[in-house]
């Protein structure tokens, strides 16, 4: 009495014979009447299924496409971006690949240094089959020639973005692209060998000069052959010149005299002086400026920019510990650029005077990074905490601050959401934990290790936007007690390699969250 029906049934079944159980099981199966298995995903429309695929990462998307023939077809028909290992053997697979993926609009072809890349014939086959191609990235495709680029450009005239690096074709190959791709908007050239051989050929602007909005030149010995193109692009909004030899003042002077819409300028490790900065200052619509390790740039040039570019919102300066940019230039920025929202200062000679001026006058400042500045101490951080009410992200690296500065942050900056404290030996983990308790929603990345060197270059253009990285952690704080050996060795190796070996060891930009949308790729 009082037992459940399931317990009662179990007790009765213990006394049933096998024959009785068998007959009851068959009767139960007849009553349930299990039908054939059915794929319920068949009710999902192809468009919805394609949208789901777009939200997957590359590996998951490739695995999902192998589930059934329908998924394979839907994935292929809706894949807009494709990344291929472009070795010479790919030529025999090109027909099959682009018969399956017939809607590709963004194509990346990469080949390693120790492999033989695809040739002109393979690129021609790809251009014939990719009628909808709008973006092309070439990396390490050393077997491509000017003739191959000419044939490709004739077949893919709708290209809007072209990026190439470590290829062997030179100026003539680029000229063909500028001639036939009349809708080209973004051009990125990195480490082209034939451009670096010092020949006398120059870039002919072509029809693309009427549409180009962004130009990035990186690690070119003869990069000034692009001067006619840079000067003639009247719609140019973004110019990034990184580690290119030659005197760039004259190029910037010509740009400043004729371009009224230039808004984003990145100058890194160039032979450019205050003359070039003064020319850039004539472009009054500049809202983003990077001055990274240019030893001839001083306060004079920065003052000229501040007085004329009142719309400046982002300013990144790496002074390389040369002490040519300091309080005078930054005070001018503070007084003349009230719209400033992002400021990154690395190895710049600043004191309490300029930091106080920025805190008082730049009321819209949301992102601030101070790296490798010995004059930044508790008083400067306390001033920032009290005055910068809109500050959301703060990075302090290699500065002479203590627990007192962290306590000031706890009582100031009401909108602060992310803080990165690295290589500040005067800060203890106890005060960081207290800061977390004081501001529970704050994300803090803390590293008390001794500084091994700071690098402000954020020059991997197209792959990553430069900025200070604030990782989102589950428990909101990361405490590291020891230095990173691998980073130290890497810094030493790159220092030995010299000019072209420099890379970004300390990211100096505020990264945006990545959007996986349609970023899946297929490495075939």
Protein backbone atom coordinates (compact mmCIF):
# COMPACT_ATOMS: atom_id res chain seq x y z
CA UNK A 1 0.00 0.00 0.00
CA UNK A 2 1.19 3.47 -0.80
CA UNK A 3 3.59 2.28 -3.55
CA UNK A 4 3.59 3.94 -6.99
CA UNK A 5 2.18 2.15 -10.03
CA UNK A 6 5.64 1.89 -11.61
CA UNK A 7 6.93 0.04 -8.52
CA UNK A 8 3.91 -2.25 -8.56
CA UNK A 9 4.41 -3.08 -12.23
CA UNK A 10 8.06 -3.85 -11.58
CA UNK A 11 7.13 -6.24 -8.76
CA UNK A 12 4.62 -8.08 -10.95
CA UNK A 13 7.03 -8.34 -13.91
CA UNK A 14 9.53 -10.21 -11.72
CA UNK A 15 7.18 -13.22 -11.77
CA UNK A 16 6.38 -13.15 -15.49
CA UNK A 17 7.86 -15.83 -17.70
CA UNK A 18 10.05 -14.89 -20.72
CA UNK A 19 7.26 -15.97 -23.09
CA UNK A 20 4.82 -13.67 -21.35
CA UNK A 21 7.26 -10.75 -21.48
CA UNK A 22 7.91 -11.34 -25.18
CA UNK A 23 4.21 -11.33 -26.04
CA UNK A 24 3.62 -8.16 -24.00
CA UNK A 25 6.59 -6.41 -25.70
CA UNK A 26 5.20 -7.17 -29.15
CA UNK A 27 1.76 -5.89 -28.14
CA UNK A 28 3.39 -2.67 -26.80
CA UNK A 29 5.29 -2.12 -30.04
CA UNK A 30 2.05 -2.52 -32.01
CA UNK A 31 0.36 0.10 -29.84
CA UNK A 32 3.25 2.65 -30.16
CA UNK A 33 3.50 2.13 -33.95
CA UNK A 34 6.91 3.77 -34.44
CA UNK A 35 7.11 5.24 -37.95
CA UNK A 36 10.22 5.88 -40.12
CA UNK A 37 12.76 8.51 -39.00
CA UNK A 38 12.31 11.99 -40.51
CA UNK A 39 14.73 14.90 -41.05
CA UNK A 40 12.96 17.89 -39.50
CA UNK A 41 15.54 20.32 -40.97
CA UNK A 42 13.79 19.82 -44.30
CA UNK A 43 11.18 22.28 -43.02
CA UNK A 44 13.84 25.03 -42.76
CA UNK A 45 13.95 27.17 -45.92
CA UNK A 46 17.25 27.38 -47.79
CA UNK A 47 17.62 31.08 -46.99
CA UNK A 48 17.28 30.46 -43.25
CA UNK A 49 19.72 27.57 -43.40
CA UNK A 50 22.22 29.75 -45.27
CA UNK A 51 21.90 32.46 -42.61
CA UNK A 52 22.63 29.87 -39.90
CA UNK A 53 25.75 28.79 -41.80
CA UNK A 54 26.95 32.38 -41.90
CA UNK A 55 26.95 32.52 -38.10
CA UNK A 56 29.29 29.52 -37.82
CA UNK A 57 33.06 29.65 -37.66
CA UNK A 58 35.05 28.33 -40.61
CA UNK A 59 35.72 24.85 -39.19
CA UNK A 60 32.14 24.32 -38.00
CA UNK A 61 30.75 25.50 -41.31
CA UNK A 62 32.91 23.08 -43.29
CA UNK A 63 31.87 20.21 -41.01
CA UNK A 64 28.19 21.15 -41.29
CA UNK A 65 28.36 21.19 -45.07
CA UNK A 66 29.22 17.47 -45.01
CA UNK A 67 26.08 16.43 -43.13
CA UNK A 68 23.98 15.86 -46.23
CA UNK A 69 23.76 16.79 -49.91
CA UNK A 70 21.28 19.59 -49.28
CA UNK A 71 23.50 21.26 -46.69
CA UNK A 72 26.45 20.91 -49.06
CA UNK A 73 24.50 22.64 -51.82
CA UNK A 74 23.12 25.44 -49.64
CA UNK A 75 26.54 26.16 -48.15
CA UNK A 76 28.20 26.32 -51.56
CA UNK A 77 25.55 28.53 -53.13
CA UNK A 78 25.67 31.06 -50.30
CA UNK A 79 29.38 31.18 -49.52
CA UNK A 80 30.60 34.66 -50.37
CA UNK A 81 34.11 34.43 -48.89
CA UNK A 82 36.72 31.82 -49.76
CA UNK A 83 40.33 31.39 -48.61
CA UNK A 84 42.56 29.00 -50.56
CA UNK A 85 46.09 27.69 -50.16
CA UNK A 86 47.33 28.87 -53.55
CA UNK A 87 50.05 26.34 -54.34
CA UNK A 88 50.84 25.32 -57.90
CA UNK A 89 48.79 22.12 -57.60
CA UNK A 90 45.60 24.14 -57.25
CA UNK A 91 45.29 24.57 -61.02
CA UNK A 92 43.86 21.06 -61.44
CA UNK A 93 41.21 21.73 -58.77
CA UNK A 94 40.12 25.20 -59.87
CA UNK A 95 37.20 23.98 -62.10
CA UNK A 96 35.74 21.81 -59.31
CA UNK A 97 36.23 24.40 -56.59
CA UNK A 98 34.55 27.23 -58.45
CA UNK A 99 31.84 25.02 -59.89
CA UNK A 100 30.82 24.26 -56.33
CA UNK A 101 31.42 27.79 -54.96
CA UNK A 102 29.94 29.81 -57.80
CA UNK A 103 28.89 32.85 -55.71
CA UNK A 104 32.24 33.85 -54.23
CA UNK A 105 32.70 37.61 -53.95
CA UNK A 106 35.71 37.75 -51.60
CA UNK A 107 38.73 35.59 -52.43
CA UNK A 108 42.01 35.14 -50.57
CA UNK A 109 44.93 33.29 -52.20
CA UNK A 110 47.89 32.53 -49.95
CA UNK A 111 51.08 30.57 -50.47
CA UNK A 112 53.90 29.84 -48.05
CA UNK A 113 57.50 30.83 -48.62
CA UNK A 114 58.71 27.26 -49.16
CA UNK A 115 56.00 26.39 -51.71
CA UNK A 116 55.55 27.20 -55.38
CA UNK A 117 52.48 29.39 -55.84
CA UNK A 118 49.79 29.32 -58.50
CA UNK A 119 50.74 30.83 -61.87
CA UNK A 120 49.12 33.12 -64.42
CA UNK A 121 47.09 30.29 -65.98
CA UNK A 122 45.47 29.36 -62.67
CA UNK A 123 44.64 32.99 -61.92
CA UNK A 124 43.11 33.37 -65.36
CA UNK A 125 40.89 30.32 -64.78
CA UNK A 126 39.77 31.77 -61.46
CA UNK A 127 38.96 35.16 -63.00
CA UNK A 128 36.79 33.53 -65.67
CA UNK A 129 34.75 31.57 -63.12
CA UNK A 130 34.43 34.31 -60.47
CA UNK A 131 32.12 36.74 -62.23
CA UNK A 132 30.91 38.25 -58.94
CA UNK A 133 34.35 38.84 -57.42
CA UNK A 134 34.64 42.20 -55.64
CA UNK A 135 37.58 41.61 -53.27
CA UNK A 136 40.92 39.88 -53.87
CA UNK A 137 43.84 39.29 -51.49
CA UNK A 138 47.13 37.83 -52.75
CA UNK A 139 49.85 36.72 -50.33
CA UNK A 140 53.10 35.06 -51.38
CA UNK A 141 51.96 34.39 -54.96
CA UNK A 142 55.45 34.74 -56.43
CA UNK A 143 54.74 33.03 -59.75
CA UNK A 144 52.27 35.68 -60.87
CA UNK A 145 53.53 38.14 -63.49
CA UNK A 146 52.36 41.43 -64.97
CA UNK A 147 50.69 39.52 -67.81
CA UNK A 148 48.67 37.42 -65.36
CA UNK A 149 47.52 40.52 -63.51
CA UNK A 150 46.51 42.16 -66.81
CA UNK A 151 44.34 39.19 -67.79
CA UNK A 152 42.79 39.04 -64.35
CA UNK A 153 41.96 42.76 -64.35
CA UNK A 154 40.25 42.50 -67.73
CA UNK A 155 37.94 39.75 -66.47
CA UNK A 156 37.22 41.13 -62.96
CA UNK A 157 36.39 44.76 -63.61
CA UNK A 158 33.97 44.96 -60.66
CA UNK A 159 36.74 44.64 -58.09
CA UNK A 160 36.36 47.15 -55.23
CA UNK A 161 39.16 45.99 -52.91
CA UNK A 162 42.61 44.69 -53.88
CA UNK A 163 45.42 43.71 -51.51
CA UNK A 164 48.72 42.07 -52.41
CA UNK A 165 51.88 41.26 -50.48
CA UNK A 166 55.13 39.39 -51.08
CA UNK A 167 54.42 38.95 -54.78
CA UNK A 168 56.90 39.31 -57.66
CA UNK A 169 54.93 41.39 -60.14
CA UNK A 170 55.63 45.09 -59.95
CA UNK A 171 54.48 48.49 -61.10
CA UNK A 172 53.05 47.32 -64.42
CA UNK A 173 50.85 44.74 -62.70
CA UNK A 174 49.42 47.40 -60.40
CA UNK A 175 48.89 49.72 -63.38
CA UNK A 176 46.76 47.10 -65.12
CA UNK A 177 44.57 46.81 -62.03
CA UNK A 178 44.16 50.61 -61.86
CA UNK A 179 43.30 50.78 -65.55
CA UNK A 180 40.54 48.17 -65.75
CA UNK A 181 39.09 48.04 -62.21
CA UNK A 182 37.20 51.30 -62.43
CA UNK A 183 35.26 50.70 -59.19
CA UNK A 184 38.32 50.07 -57.02
CA UNK A 185 37.95 51.73 -53.60
CA UNK A 186 40.64 50.15 -51.41
CA UNK A 187 44.24 49.38 -52.41
CA UNK A 188 46.83 47.74 -50.12
CA UNK A 189 50.39 47.07 -51.31
CA UNK A 190 52.89 45.28 -49.08
CA UNK A 191 56.43 44.11 -49.83
CA UNK A 192 56.25 43.93 -53.63
CA UNK A 193 59.71 42.82 -54.79
CA UNK A 194 59.57 44.38 -58.25
CA UNK A 195 58.53 47.69 -56.72
CA UNK A 196 61.55 47.51 -54.42
CA UNK A 197 64.16 47.10 -57.15
CA UNK A 198 64.55 50.84 -57.71
CA UNK A 199 63.33 50.94 -61.32
CA UNK A 200 62.14 54.19 -62.81
CA UNK A 201 58.57 53.09 -63.53
CA UNK A 202 55.83 54.99 -61.74
CA UNK A 203 52.24 54.18 -60.97
CA UNK A 204 49.77 55.56 -63.51
CA UNK A 205 46.59 56.64 -61.67
CA UNK A 206 44.25 55.19 -64.33
CA UNK A 207 40.48 55.13 -64.09
CA UNK A 208 40.60 53.81 -60.50
CA UNK A 209 41.89 57.20 -59.30
CA UNK A 210 38.34 58.48 -59.58
CA UNK A 211 37.00 55.91 -57.10
CA UNK A 212 39.86 55.07 -54.71
CA UNK A 213 39.08 55.97 -51.09
CA UNK A 214 41.78 54.09 -49.19
CA UNK A 215 45.48 53.46 -49.94
CA UNK A 216 47.89 51.52 -47.72
CA UNK A 217 51.59 51.24 -48.61
CA UNK A 218 53.77 49.07 -46.39
CA UNK A 219 57.48 48.17 -46.43
CA UNK A 220 58.30 49.43 -49.92
CA UNK A 221 61.81 50.57 -50.81
CA UNK A 222 60.53 52.49 -53.83
CA UNK A 223 57.13 53.41 -52.43
CA UNK A 224 57.33 56.93 -53.80
CA UNK A 225 56.51 55.59 -57.25
CA UNK A 226 52.92 55.69 -55.94
CA UNK A 227 53.08 59.47 -55.58
CA UNK A 228 51.07 60.22 -58.79
CA UNK A 229 48.29 57.90 -57.63
CA UNK A 230 48.16 59.30 -54.07
CA UNK A 231 48.07 62.86 -55.32
CA UNK A 232 45.46 62.29 -58.04
CA UNK A 233 42.92 60.44 -55.87
CA UNK A 234 40.55 63.29 -55.05
CA UNK A 235 38.19 60.98 -53.11
CA UNK A 236 40.96 59.62 -50.90
CA UNK A 237 39.84 59.40 -47.26
CA UNK A 238 42.40 57.01 -45.75
CA UNK A 239 46.17 57.07 -46.30
CA UNK A 240 48.50 54.70 -44.47
CA UNK A 241 52.23 54.73 -45.21
CA UNK A 242 54.26 52.35 -43.06
CA UNK A 243 58.01 51.73 -43.17
CA UNK A 244 58.52 53.00 -46.71
CA UNK A 245 61.88 54.56 -47.55
CA UNK A 246 62.39 57.99 -49.09
CA UNK A 247 61.44 61.57 -48.27
CA UNK A 248 57.66 61.78 -47.86
CA UNK A 249 57.35 65.48 -47.05
CA UNK A 250 56.99 66.43 -50.71
CA UNK A 251 54.23 63.84 -51.24
CA UNK A 252 52.28 65.10 -48.22
CA UNK A 253 52.65 68.70 -49.38
CA UNK A 254 51.02 67.84 -52.72
CA UNK A 255 48.22 65.95 -50.94
CA UNK A 256 47.55 68.84 -48.58
CA UNK A 257 47.22 71.27 -51.45
CA UNK A 258 44.56 69.29 -53.29
CA UNK A 259 42.65 66.90 -50.99
CA UNK A 260 39.81 68.30 -48.93
CA UNK A 261 38.20 65.07 -47.71
CA UNK A 262 41.19 63.14 -46.29
CA UNK A 263 40.15 62.00 -42.81
CA UNK A 264 42.44 59.15 -41.68
CA UNK A 265 46.26 59.36 -41.86
CA UNK A 266 48.74 56.81 -40.52
CA UNK A 267 52.46 57.68 -40.76
CA UNK A 268 54.85 55.11 -39.31
CA UNK A 269 58.65 54.95 -39.42
CA UNK A 270 58.99 57.39 -42.29
CA UNK A 271 61.32 60.16 -43.28
CA UNK A 272 58.72 62.81 -42.60
CA UNK A 273 59.11 66.04 -40.65
CA UNK A 274 57.03 68.94 -39.40
CA UNK A 275 56.76 70.08 -43.03
CA UNK A 276 54.73 66.95 -43.79
CA UNK A 277 52.59 67.39 -40.67
CA UNK A 278 51.97 71.00 -41.62
CA UNK A 279 50.81 69.87 -45.05
CA UNK A 280 48.48 67.30 -43.48
CA UNK A 281 47.09 70.07 -41.27
CA UNK A 282 45.65 71.72 -44.40
CA UNK A 283 43.25 68.76 -44.65
CA UNK A 284 40.81 70.19 -42.13
CA UNK A 285 38.61 67.09 -42.09
CA UNK A 286 41.26 64.88 -40.47
CA UNK A 287 39.63 62.97 -37.59
CA UNK A 288 42.17 60.17 -37.07
CA UNK A 289 45.96 60.61 -36.99
CA UNK A 290 48.74 58.15 -36.18
CA UNK A 291 52.28 59.51 -35.73
CA UNK A 292 54.36 56.43 -34.96
CA UNK A 293 58.14 56.53 -34.56
CA UNK A 294 58.86 59.39 -36.93
CA UNK A 295 61.98 60.96 -35.36
CA UNK A 296 61.76 64.24 -37.31
CA UNK A 297 58.25 65.09 -36.11
CA UNK A 298 58.09 67.51 -33.18
CA UNK A 299 55.75 69.73 -31.20
CA UNK A 300 55.76 72.27 -34.02
CA UNK A 301 54.06 69.89 -36.44
CA UNK A 302 51.57 68.66 -33.84
CA UNK A 303 50.61 72.23 -32.94
CA UNK A 304 49.94 72.94 -36.62
CA UNK A 305 47.66 69.90 -36.81
CA UNK A 306 45.81 70.87 -33.63
CA UNK A 307 45.18 74.44 -34.79
CA UNK A 308 43.71 73.41 -38.15
CA UNK A 309 42.17 69.95 -37.61
CA UNK A 310 39.47 70.81 -35.07
CA UNK A 311 37.51 67.63 -35.90
CA UNK A 312 40.27 65.33 -34.61
CA UNK A 313 38.75 62.38 -32.72
CA UNK A 314 41.60 59.83 -32.60
CA UNK A 315 45.25 60.60 -31.97
CA UNK A 316 47.98 57.96 -31.58
CA UNK A 317 51.55 59.10 -30.92
CA UNK A 318 54.64 56.94 -30.36
CA UNK A 319 57.49 59.34 -29.57
CA UNK A 320 60.13 56.60 -29.51
CA UNK A 321 61.61 58.24 -26.38
CA UNK A 322 63.16 60.99 -28.52
CA UNK A 323 61.38 63.71 -26.50
CA UNK A 324 60.51 65.84 -29.54
CA UNK A 325 56.77 65.64 -28.85
CA UNK A 326 55.60 66.59 -25.39
CA UNK A 327 53.61 69.09 -23.36
CA UNK A 328 53.56 71.89 -25.94
CA UNK A 329 51.98 69.79 -28.65
CA UNK A 330 49.52 68.01 -26.38
CA UNK A 331 48.37 71.23 -24.69
CA UNK A 332 47.59 72.58 -28.16
CA UNK A 333 45.59 69.43 -28.89
CA UNK A 334 43.71 69.79 -25.61
CA UNK A 335 42.77 73.41 -26.34
CA UNK A 336 41.97 73.10 -30.05
CA UNK A 337 40.45 69.60 -30.38
CA UNK A 338 37.49 69.35 -28.00
CA UNK A 339 36.00 66.43 -29.99
CA UNK A 340 38.89 64.11 -29.08
CA UNK A 341 37.58 60.67 -28.09
CA UNK A 342 40.64 58.40 -28.29
CA UNK A 343 44.21 59.24 -27.24
CA UNK A 344 47.17 56.83 -27.23
CA UNK A 345 50.51 58.14 -25.95
CA UNK A 346 53.55 55.87 -25.93
CA UNK A 347 57.09 56.88 -24.98
CA UNK A 348 56.11 60.56 -25.20
CA UNK A 349 57.64 63.24 -22.95
CA UNK A 350 54.56 64.55 -21.13
CA UNK A 351 54.04 65.92 -17.64
CA UNK A 352 51.18 66.86 -15.36
CA UNK A 353 50.63 70.12 -17.33
CA UNK A 354 49.54 68.46 -20.57
CA UNK A 355 47.62 65.65 -18.88
CA UNK A 356 45.66 68.17 -16.79
CA UNK A 357 44.87 70.20 -19.90
CA UNK A 358 43.58 67.11 -21.69
CA UNK A 359 41.49 66.03 -18.69
CA UNK A 360 39.90 69.47 -18.38
CA UNK A 361 39.32 70.34 -22.04
CA UNK A 362 38.65 66.97 -23.73
CA UNK A 363 35.39 66.20 -21.98
CA UNK A 364 34.39 63.62 -24.63
CA UNK A 365 37.47 61.45 -24.15
CA UNK A 366 36.37 57.81 -24.00
CA UNK A 367 39.58 55.80 -24.60
CA UNK A 368 43.01 56.61 -23.17
CA UNK A 369 46.28 54.67 -23.27
CA UNK A 370 49.46 55.77 -21.48
CA UNK A 371 52.45 53.49 -22.12
CA UNK A 372 56.11 53.79 -21.24
CA UNK A 373 55.84 57.31 -19.79
CA UNK A 374 57.90 57.66 -16.63
CA UNK A 375 56.40 61.05 -15.77
CA UNK A 376 52.91 59.58 -15.41
CA UNK A 377 52.29 58.96 -11.72
CA UNK A 378 49.54 58.93 -9.12
CA UNK A 379 48.76 62.64 -9.44
CA UNK A 380 48.18 62.41 -13.20
CA UNK A 381 45.89 59.38 -12.89
CA UNK A 382 43.99 61.07 -10.05
CA UNK A 383 43.43 64.11 -12.29
CA UNK A 384 42.14 61.88 -15.08
CA UNK A 385 39.86 60.03 -12.67
CA UNK A 386 38.37 63.28 -11.41
CA UNK A 387 37.94 65.11 -14.73
CA UNK A 388 37.38 62.49 -17.46
CA UNK A 389 33.79 61.61 -16.69
CA UNK A 390 33.13 60.02 -20.10
CA UNK A 391 36.17 57.72 -20.01
CA UNK A 392 35.24 54.10 -20.75
CA UNK A 393 38.56 52.36 -21.47
CA UNK A 394 41.91 53.01 -19.84
CA UNK A 395 45.29 51.37 -20.44
CA UNK A 396 48.29 52.13 -18.21
CA UNK A 397 51.48 50.32 -19.14
CA UNK A 398 55.00 50.84 -17.85
CA UNK A 399 54.16 53.95 -15.81
CA UNK A 400 55.29 54.96 -12.31
CA UNK A 401 51.95 54.57 -10.56
CA UNK A 402 51.08 52.91 -7.27
CA UNK A 403 48.00 51.70 -5.42
CA UNK A 404 47.01 55.32 -4.85
CA UNK A 405 46.25 55.75 -8.56
CA UNK A 406 44.04 52.67 -8.60
CA UNK A 407 42.15 53.92 -5.56
CA UNK A 408 41.51 57.19 -7.42
CA UNK A 409 40.00 55.24 -10.31
CA UNK A 410 37.62 53.54 -7.91
CA UNK A 411 36.10 56.88 -6.90
CA UNK A 412 36.20 58.58 -10.31
CA UNK A 413 35.43 57.83 -13.98
CA UNK A 414 31.78 56.80 -13.46
CA UNK A 415 31.49 55.35 -16.99
CA UNK A 416 34.66 53.25 -16.85
CA UNK A 417 34.07 49.69 -18.09
CA UNK A 418 37.55 48.30 -18.92
CA UNK A 419 40.99 48.87 -17.40
CA UNK A 420 44.33 47.38 -18.38
CA UNK A 421 47.26 47.75 -15.97
CA UNK A 422 50.50 46.21 -17.14
CA UNK A 423 54.10 46.38 -16.01
CA UNK A 424 53.40 48.91 -13.27
CA UNK A 425 55.41 47.47 -10.40
CA UNK A 426 53.96 49.83 -7.81
CA UNK A 427 50.46 48.33 -8.17
CA UNK A 428 49.53 45.34 -6.03
CA UNK A 429 47.01 42.62 -6.73
CA UNK A 430 45.24 43.46 -3.44
CA UNK A 431 44.20 46.93 -4.61
CA UNK A 432 43.10 45.50 -7.96
CA UNK A 433 40.83 43.06 -6.15
CA UNK A 434 39.51 45.93 -4.06
CA UNK A 435 38.79 47.89 -7.25
CA UNK A 436 36.77 44.93 -8.54
CA UNK A 437 34.73 44.85 -5.35
CA UNK A 438 34.20 48.61 -5.54
CA UNK A 439 33.09 48.50 -9.21
CA UNK A 440 31.62 45.08 -9.73
CA UNK A 441 30.90 45.51 -13.46
CA UNK A 442 34.45 46.64 -14.31
CA UNK A 443 36.68 44.38 -16.44
CA UNK A 444 40.32 44.53 -15.35
CA UNK A 445 43.42 43.01 -16.95
CA UNK A 446 46.37 43.21 -14.55
CA UNK A 447 50.00 42.24 -15.04
CA UNK A 448 52.63 43.33 -12.53
CA UNK A 449 55.59 41.96 -14.48
CA UNK A 450 58.64 44.11 -15.14
CA UNK A 451 58.63 45.90 -18.50
CA UNK A 452 60.80 44.42 -21.25
CA UNK A 453 60.18 47.13 -23.83
CA UNK A 454 57.27 48.89 -25.46
CA UNK A 455 56.31 49.00 -29.12
CA UNK A 456 53.57 51.29 -30.32
CA UNK A 457 53.36 50.21 -33.92
CA UNK A 458 49.88 49.09 -34.90
CA UNK A 459 50.81 48.46 -38.50
CA UNK A 460 49.24 45.19 -39.57
CA UNK A 461 46.73 47.10 -41.65
CA UNK A 462 43.65 45.18 -42.97
CA UNK A 463 44.11 42.31 -40.54
CA UNK A 464 43.74 44.22 -37.25
CA UNK A 465 42.83 47.72 -36.29
CA UNK A 466 45.39 49.27 -33.96
CA UNK A 467 44.40 49.73 -30.30
CA UNK A 468 44.69 48.65 -26.68
CA UNK A 469 43.15 45.24 -26.20
CA UNK A 470 40.84 44.62 -23.26
CA UNK A 471 40.01 40.89 -23.06
CA UNK A 472 36.64 39.99 -21.59
CA UNK A 473 37.19 37.54 -18.77
CA UNK A 474 34.65 35.35 -17.09
CA UNK A 475 35.58 36.38 -13.55
CA UNK A 476 36.51 39.88 -14.75
CA UNK A 477 40.13 39.97 -13.61
CA UNK A 478 43.38 38.35 -14.70
CA UNK A 479 46.47 38.58 -12.50
CA UNK A 480 49.85 37.57 -13.92
CA UNK A 481 52.84 37.52 -11.60
CA UNK A 482 55.68 36.66 -13.98
CA UNK A 483 57.06 38.06 -17.23
CA UNK A 484 56.32 36.37 -20.51
CA UNK A 485 59.50 34.66 -21.70
CA UNK A 486 58.23 34.17 -25.25
CA UNK A 487 57.47 37.88 -25.69
CA UNK A 488 60.94 38.82 -24.46
CA UNK A 489 62.66 36.47 -26.90
CA UNK A 490 60.48 37.69 -29.73
CA UNK A 491 61.28 41.31 -28.92
CA UNK A 492 65.02 40.51 -28.90
CA UNK A 493 64.81 38.67 -32.22
CA UNK A 494 62.94 41.49 -33.90
CA UNK A 495 65.36 44.06 -32.57
CA UNK A 496 68.19 42.10 -34.18
CA UNK A 497 66.40 41.80 -37.51
CA UNK A 498 66.11 45.58 -37.73
CA UNK A 499 63.99 47.92 -39.84
CA UNK A 500 61.62 45.62 -41.71
CA UNK A 501 61.41 43.02 -38.94
CA UNK A 502 59.49 45.27 -36.55
CA UNK A 503 56.03 44.09 -35.59
CA UNK A 504 53.48 44.94 -33.00
CA UNK A 505 54.54 43.55 -29.61
CA UNK A 506 52.28 45.87 -27.63
CA UNK A 507 49.00 46.45 -29.50
CA UNK A 508 48.03 50.10 -29.32
CA UNK A 509 44.48 50.30 -30.46
CA UNK A 510 41.09 49.72 -29.00
CA UNK A 511 39.89 46.59 -30.83
CA UNK A 512 36.35 46.24 -32.04
CA UNK A 513 34.52 43.00 -31.47
CA UNK A 514 34.83 40.70 -34.44
CA UNK A 515 31.78 39.99 -36.50
CA UNK A 516 31.57 36.43 -37.70
CA UNK A 517 28.68 37.24 -40.06
CA UNK A 518 30.01 36.00 -43.37
CA UNK A 519 33.59 35.38 -42.38
CA UNK A 520 33.72 31.65 -42.97
CA UNK A 521 36.43 30.44 -45.30
CA UNK A 522 37.39 27.19 -46.87
CA UNK A 523 41.03 26.09 -46.97
CA UNK A 524 41.05 23.58 -49.77
